[in-house]
Protein backbone atom coordinates (compact mmCIF):
# COMPACT_ATOMS: atom_id res chain seq x y z
CA UNK A 1 7.66 24.54 7.95
CA UNK A 2 6.10 27.82 9.03
CA UNK A 3 2.78 27.49 10.84
CA UNK A 4 0.78 30.13 12.66
CA UNK A 5 -2.22 29.33 14.81
CA UNK A 6 -4.63 32.25 14.79
CA UNK A 7 -5.97 34.15 17.76
CA UNK A 8 -9.73 34.48 18.31
CA UNK A 9 -10.07 38.03 16.89
CA UNK A 10 -8.26 37.06 13.68
CA UNK A 11 -10.47 34.00 13.28
CA UNK A 12 -13.63 36.13 13.56
CA UNK A 13 -12.35 38.61 10.97
CA UNK A 14 -11.23 35.84 8.65
CA UNK A 15 -14.64 34.19 8.71
CA UNK A 16 -16.40 37.52 8.12
CA UNK A 17 -14.31 38.04 4.98
CA UNK A 18 -15.66 34.74 3.62
CA UNK A 19 -12.24 33.30 2.80
CA UNK A 20 -10.72 30.31 4.56
CA UNK A 21 -7.00 29.60 4.23
CA UNK A 22 -7.69 26.18 5.74
CA UNK A 23 -10.60 23.77 5.26
CA UNK A 24 -10.97 20.85 7.66
CA UNK A 25 -13.33 18.21 6.37
CA UNK A 26 -15.48 15.67 8.15
CA UNK A 27 -13.80 12.25 7.68
CA UNK A 28 -17.10 10.35 7.73
CA UNK A 29 -18.46 12.52 4.93
CA UNK A 30 -15.20 12.30 2.96
CA UNK A 31 -14.85 8.51 3.20
CA UNK A 32 -18.52 7.92 2.38
CA UNK A 33 -18.28 10.07 -0.77
CA UNK A 34 -14.89 8.60 -1.75
CA UNK A 35 -16.08 5.00 -1.52
CA UNK A 36 -19.09 5.86 -3.69
CA UNK A 37 -16.89 7.68 -6.21
CA UNK A 38 -14.50 4.73 -6.48
CA UNK A 39 -17.40 2.36 -7.15
CA UNK A 40 -18.74 4.75 -9.79
CA UNK A 41 -15.37 5.13 -11.52
CA UNK A 42 -14.89 1.35 -11.54
CA UNK A 43 -17.92 0.85 -13.79
CA UNK A 44 -16.13 1.99 -16.94
CA UNK A 45 -12.47 1.50 -16.01
CA UNK A 46 -9.83 -0.94 -17.25
CA UNK A 47 -8.68 -1.13 -13.61
CA UNK A 48 -12.13 -1.82 -12.16
CA UNK A 49 -10.98 -4.56 -9.78
CA UNK A 50 -8.38 -2.33 -8.15
CA UNK A 51 -10.73 0.65 -7.87
CA UNK A 52 -13.27 -1.62 -6.18
CA UNK A 53 -10.59 -2.84 -3.75
CA UNK A 54 -9.71 0.76 -2.91
CA UNK A 55 -13.43 1.42 -2.42
CA UNK A 56 -13.70 -1.53 -0.02
CA UNK A 57 -10.82 -0.18 2.08
CA UNK A 58 -12.30 3.32 2.15
CA UNK A 59 -15.73 1.93 3.07
CA UNK A 60 -14.15 0.24 6.07
CA UNK A 61 -12.42 3.51 6.99
CA UNK A 62 -15.90 4.94 7.42
CA UNK A 63 -16.63 2.21 9.98
CA UNK A 64 -13.30 2.95 11.72
CA UNK A 65 -14.37 6.59 12.11
CA UNK A 66 -17.61 5.49 13.75
CA UNK A 67 -15.79 3.09 16.10
CA UNK A 68 -12.79 5.17 17.16
CA UNK A 69 -13.97 8.78 17.13
CA UNK A 70 -14.70 8.85 20.87
CA UNK A 71 -11.38 7.15 21.70
CA UNK A 72 -9.48 9.80 19.74
CA UNK A 73 -11.42 12.57 21.50
CA UNK A 74 -10.60 11.07 24.88
CA UNK A 75 -6.89 10.75 24.12
CA UNK A 76 -6.75 14.33 22.84
CA UNK A 77 -7.93 15.55 26.25
CA UNK A 78 -4.68 14.31 27.78
CA UNK A 79 -2.29 15.51 25.06
CA UNK A 80 -0.66 18.77 24.09
CA UNK A 81 -0.24 18.58 20.34
CA UNK A 82 2.67 20.13 18.49
CA UNK A 83 2.08 21.18 14.89
CA UNK A 84 2.64 19.59 12.50
CA UNK A 85 1.32 16.48 14.27
CA UNK A 86 3.67 13.57 14.73
CA UNK A 87 2.30 10.20 15.77
CA UNK A 88 4.11 8.95 18.87
CA UNK A 89 3.91 5.54 20.52
CA UNK A 90 0.92 6.58 22.67
CA UNK A 91 -1.32 6.44 19.60
CA UNK A 92 -0.46 2.77 19.05
CA UNK A 93 -3.23 1.92 21.53
CA UNK A 94 -5.66 3.13 18.86
CA UNK A 95 -3.78 2.12 15.71
CA UNK A 96 -3.50 -1.54 16.76
CA UNK A 97 -7.25 -2.16 17.25
CA UNK A 98 -7.94 -0.07 14.14
CA UNK A 99 -5.76 -2.42 12.11
CA UNK A 100 -7.41 -5.48 13.66
CA UNK A 101 -10.89 -4.18 12.82
CA UNK A 102 -9.89 -3.18 9.29
CA UNK A 103 -8.25 -6.50 8.38
CA UNK A 104 -11.05 -8.53 9.99
CA UNK A 105 -13.68 -6.60 8.02
CA UNK A 106 -11.79 -6.92 4.73
CA UNK A 107 -11.02 -10.64 4.98
CA UNK A 108 -14.51 -11.95 3.98
CA UNK A 109 -14.91 -9.56 1.02
CA UNK A 110 -11.54 -9.42 -0.74
CA UNK A 111 -9.69 -11.72 -3.14
CA UNK A 112 -7.37 -14.53 -2.12
CA UNK A 113 -4.36 -12.37 -3.03
CA UNK A 114 -5.43 -9.68 -0.57
CA UNK A 115 -6.14 -12.30 2.11
CA UNK A 116 -2.49 -13.36 1.74
CA UNK A 117 -1.49 -9.73 2.33
CA UNK A 118 -3.69 -9.61 5.44
CA UNK A 119 -2.12 -12.85 6.67
CA UNK A 120 1.35 -11.38 6.19
CA UNK A 121 0.39 -8.34 8.28
CA UNK A 122 -0.67 -10.61 11.14
CA UNK A 123 2.86 -12.06 11.17
CA UNK A 124 4.60 -8.70 11.64
CA UNK A 125 6.06 -8.12 15.10
CA UNK A 126 4.94 -5.08 17.09
CA UNK A 127 8.21 -3.16 16.79
CA UNK A 128 8.29 -3.52 13.01
CA UNK A 129 4.64 -2.57 12.76
CA UNK A 130 5.28 0.63 14.73
CA UNK A 131 8.22 1.36 12.44
CA UNK A 132 5.96 1.00 9.38
CA UNK A 133 3.26 3.25 10.81
CA UNK A 134 5.86 5.87 11.69
CA UNK A 135 7.44 5.72 8.24
CA UNK A 136 4.10 6.22 6.50
CA UNK A 137 3.21 9.15 8.73
CA UNK A 138 6.59 10.74 8.04
CA UNK A 139 6.16 10.59 4.22
CA UNK A 140 8.61 7.71 3.84
CA UNK A 141 6.49 5.00 2.14
CA UNK A 142 9.60 3.48 0.56
CA UNK A 143 10.41 2.03 4.01
CA UNK A 144 7.17 -0.02 3.97
CA UNK A 145 6.40 -3.03 1.73
CA UNK A 146 4.08 -1.64 -0.91
CA UNK A 147 1.57 -4.50 -0.78
CA UNK A 148 0.76 -3.93 2.91
CA UNK A 149 1.14 -0.15 2.85
CA UNK A 150 -2.36 0.61 1.58
CA UNK A 151 -3.95 -1.28 4.49
CA UNK A 152 -1.69 0.30 7.11
CA UNK A 153 -2.31 3.65 5.47
CA UNK A 154 -6.05 3.18 5.96
CA UNK A 155 -5.41 3.33 9.71
CA UNK A 156 -2.98 6.28 9.59
CA UNK A 157 -5.31 8.25 7.31
CA UNK A 158 -8.30 7.58 9.56
CA UNK A 159 -6.46 8.45 12.77
CA UNK A 160 -4.94 11.67 11.42
CA UNK A 161 -8.24 12.87 9.98
CA UNK A 162 -9.96 12.20 13.33
CA UNK A 163 -7.26 14.09 15.24
CA UNK A 164 -7.53 17.09 12.96
CA UNK A 165 -11.32 17.24 12.83
CA UNK A 166 -11.52 16.99 16.62
CA UNK A 167 -9.12 19.92 17.15
CA UNK A 168 -10.59 22.24 14.47
CA UNK A 169 -7.66 24.67 14.40
CA UNK A 170 -7.60 27.78 12.27
CA UNK A 171 -4.43 28.62 10.36
CA UNK A 172 -2.89 31.02 7.94
CA UNK A 173 0.56 30.97 6.32
CA UNK A 174 3.32 33.28 7.40
CA UNK A 175 4.07 36.09 4.97
CA UNK A 176 6.08 35.12 1.87
CA UNK A 177 5.94 31.39 2.58
CA UNK A 178 4.67 28.79 0.12
CA UNK A 179 3.15 25.82 1.94
CA UNK A 180 3.93 22.70 -0.09
CA UNK A 181 2.97 20.22 2.67
CA UNK A 182 0.01 20.14 5.04
CA UNK A 183 0.45 22.69 7.83
CA UNK A 184 -1.35 20.46 10.35
CA UNK A 185 0.22 17.04 9.81
CA UNK A 186 3.05 17.57 7.33
CA UNK A 187 1.45 15.23 4.80
CA UNK A 188 2.04 15.55 1.07
CA UNK A 189 -0.79 16.80 -1.15
CA UNK A 190 -2.49 14.26 -3.38
CA UNK A 191 -3.91 16.87 -5.77
CA UNK A 192 -5.15 20.42 -5.94
CA UNK A 193 -8.82 21.35 -6.05
CA UNK A 194 -10.22 24.40 -7.84
CA UNK A 195 -13.26 25.49 -5.88
CA UNK A 196 -16.28 27.18 -7.42
CA UNK A 197 -14.96 30.57 -6.34
CA UNK A 198 -11.75 29.96 -8.28
CA UNK A 199 -9.50 29.48 -5.25
CA UNK A 200 -6.99 26.62 -5.38
CA UNK A 201 -6.56 24.33 -2.37
CA UNK A 202 -4.09 21.50 -1.92
CA UNK A 203 -5.69 18.37 -0.46
CA UNK A 204 -3.67 16.49 2.17
CA UNK A 205 -3.29 12.79 1.47
CA UNK A 206 -2.86 12.08 5.18
CA UNK A 207 -5.42 14.05 7.21
CA UNK A 208 -7.82 15.26 4.47
CA UNK A 209 -7.19 18.94 5.27
CA UNK A 210 -7.17 21.46 2.43
CA UNK A 211 -5.00 24.57 2.47
CA UNK A 212 -4.98 27.52 0.11
CA UNK A 213 -2.23 27.91 -2.46
CA UNK A 214 -2.10 30.50 -5.25
CA UNK A 215 -2.79 29.25 -8.75
CA UNK A 216 -0.37 29.32 -11.66
CA UNK A 217 2.66 28.59 -9.52
CA UNK A 218 4.39 25.28 -8.94
CA UNK A 219 3.33 23.70 -5.65
CA UNK A 220 6.69 21.95 -5.49
CA UNK A 221 9.28 24.67 -6.21
CA UNK A 222 7.19 27.85 -6.27
CA UNK A 223 8.12 28.84 -9.83
CA UNK A 224 5.44 30.70 -11.77
CA UNK A 225 7.14 31.19 -15.11
CA UNK A 226 7.04 27.70 -16.61
CA UNK A 227 3.57 26.46 -15.68
CA UNK A 228 1.34 24.63 -18.16
CA UNK A 229 -1.89 22.66 -17.91
CA UNK A 230 -1.98 19.18 -19.44
CA UNK A 231 -5.06 17.02 -19.98
CA UNK A 232 -6.46 14.37 -22.28
CA UNK A 233 -8.95 16.90 -23.69
CA UNK A 234 -9.87 20.55 -23.14
CA UNK A 235 -13.11 19.47 -21.46
CA UNK A 236 -11.48 17.27 -18.84
CA UNK A 237 -12.24 18.12 -15.23
CA UNK A 238 -8.99 16.43 -14.14
CA UNK A 239 -5.86 18.12 -15.44
CA UNK A 240 -2.22 18.27 -14.48
CA UNK A 241 -0.29 21.43 -13.70
CA UNK A 242 3.27 20.89 -14.96
CA UNK A 243 6.34 22.90 -14.04
CA UNK A 244 9.10 23.27 -16.61
CA UNK A 245 11.46 24.52 -13.92
CA UNK A 246 11.57 21.44 -11.66
CA UNK A 247 9.87 18.99 -14.09
CA UNK A 248 7.17 18.06 -11.56
CA UNK A 249 3.39 17.94 -11.88
CA UNK A 250 0.34 17.79 -9.65
CA UNK A 251 -3.16 16.80 -10.70
CA UNK A 252 -5.75 19.58 -10.63
CA UNK A 253 -9.46 18.81 -10.12
CA UNK A 254 -11.94 21.45 -11.33
CA UNK A 255 -14.95 21.05 -9.03
CA UNK A 256 -17.06 23.48 -11.03
CA UNK A 257 -16.99 21.00 -13.92
CA UNK A 258 -17.80 18.02 -11.66
CA UNK A 259 -18.62 18.47 -7.95
CA UNK A 260 -18.33 14.69 -7.41
CA UNK A 261 -14.58 14.66 -8.02
CA UNK A 262 -12.50 13.17 -5.23
CA UNK A 263 -8.72 13.80 -5.05
CA UNK A 264 -7.75 10.22 -4.16
CA UNK A 265 -10.29 8.45 -6.39
CA UNK A 266 -9.99 10.62 -9.48
CA UNK A 267 -6.21 10.81 -9.28
CA UNK A 268 -6.14 7.01 -9.20
CA UNK A 269 -8.59 6.71 -12.08
CA UNK A 270 -6.61 8.98 -14.43
CA UNK A 271 -3.39 6.99 -14.72
CA UNK A 272 -3.44 7.47 -18.50
CA UNK A 273 -2.59 11.12 -17.87
CA UNK A 274 0.29 10.04 -15.60
CA UNK A 275 1.64 7.80 -18.35
CA UNK A 276 1.50 10.67 -20.81
CA UNK A 277 3.37 12.98 -18.44
CA UNK A 278 5.93 10.28 -17.66
CA UNK A 279 6.70 10.03 -21.36
CA UNK A 280 7.24 13.81 -21.31
CA UNK A 281 9.73 13.26 -18.43
CA UNK A 282 7.66 14.93 -15.71
CA UNK A 283 7.47 13.31 -12.26
CA UNK A 284 4.64 13.27 -9.73
CA UNK A 285 4.94 15.64 -6.79
CA UNK A 286 1.68 14.42 -5.25
CA UNK A 287 1.24 11.32 -3.11
CA UNK A 288 -1.58 8.82 -3.48
CA UNK A 289 -1.30 5.80 -1.12
CA UNK A 290 -3.27 3.57 -3.48
CA UNK A 291 -0.59 3.97 -6.13
CA UNK A 292 2.05 2.29 -3.96
CA UNK A 293 1.32 -1.32 -5.00
CA UNK A 294 0.98 -0.26 -8.65
CA UNK A 295 4.46 1.26 -8.55
CA UNK A 296 6.13 -2.07 -7.65
């Protein structure tokens, strides 16, 4: 992966041009809006119960941000980060209490089935738990039981977004490179967002960063000759960009049509489109942690 951290003069020029290759969001703002969007989407969905569960987890992520922001800042003072970020054992001192707070907060408000999942997490030994956290952060969710992965992911997602927002790096891609994964943490994109200015950004499923990627080219293989847009209707604000070269697709959210769109929530709520594309023998290139239990 080719990553370049910009010098001060380049940053000043880049900002004066009005274009940002990288957008680092505020995790508190993102989680607050995502939880609200999940609750809204649940009102008219056949999968309302699951969307509400996802919303409950995200709502608790907001509380994790409030609790652990200062601890992350303090730990960053003593660390020299290498990009893309890799979570080492020193971060376990934050991940462990994060997980305790998250599971304790969820227990009184979730179903009996999810309480059983929480109970199973409490039985996992420390070494295995560290292995699971590491696997999730390294884009290897298949090494983690799917039923517990979404809760563990809530901690990884919160921690990574806090690390990134507290470093506030600027970045631009090296010439002739096509960044398919997040330049800051190596996470896979969940979807692409078309901003009001027409620029396309990929949204990181892991740290919530967005990085610029040219439109009308496959975000997986880089091909630009066999790209098509698929949707349920021409008016849909959530579409899929399919590639006939590698047979992959990534959801595309058009914010101009609906500024409330959220990459995680609206990807999850448009599974009918995924079913349609699966029948056409396309496979997902994006990663949404809340789809893990549904894929069992």
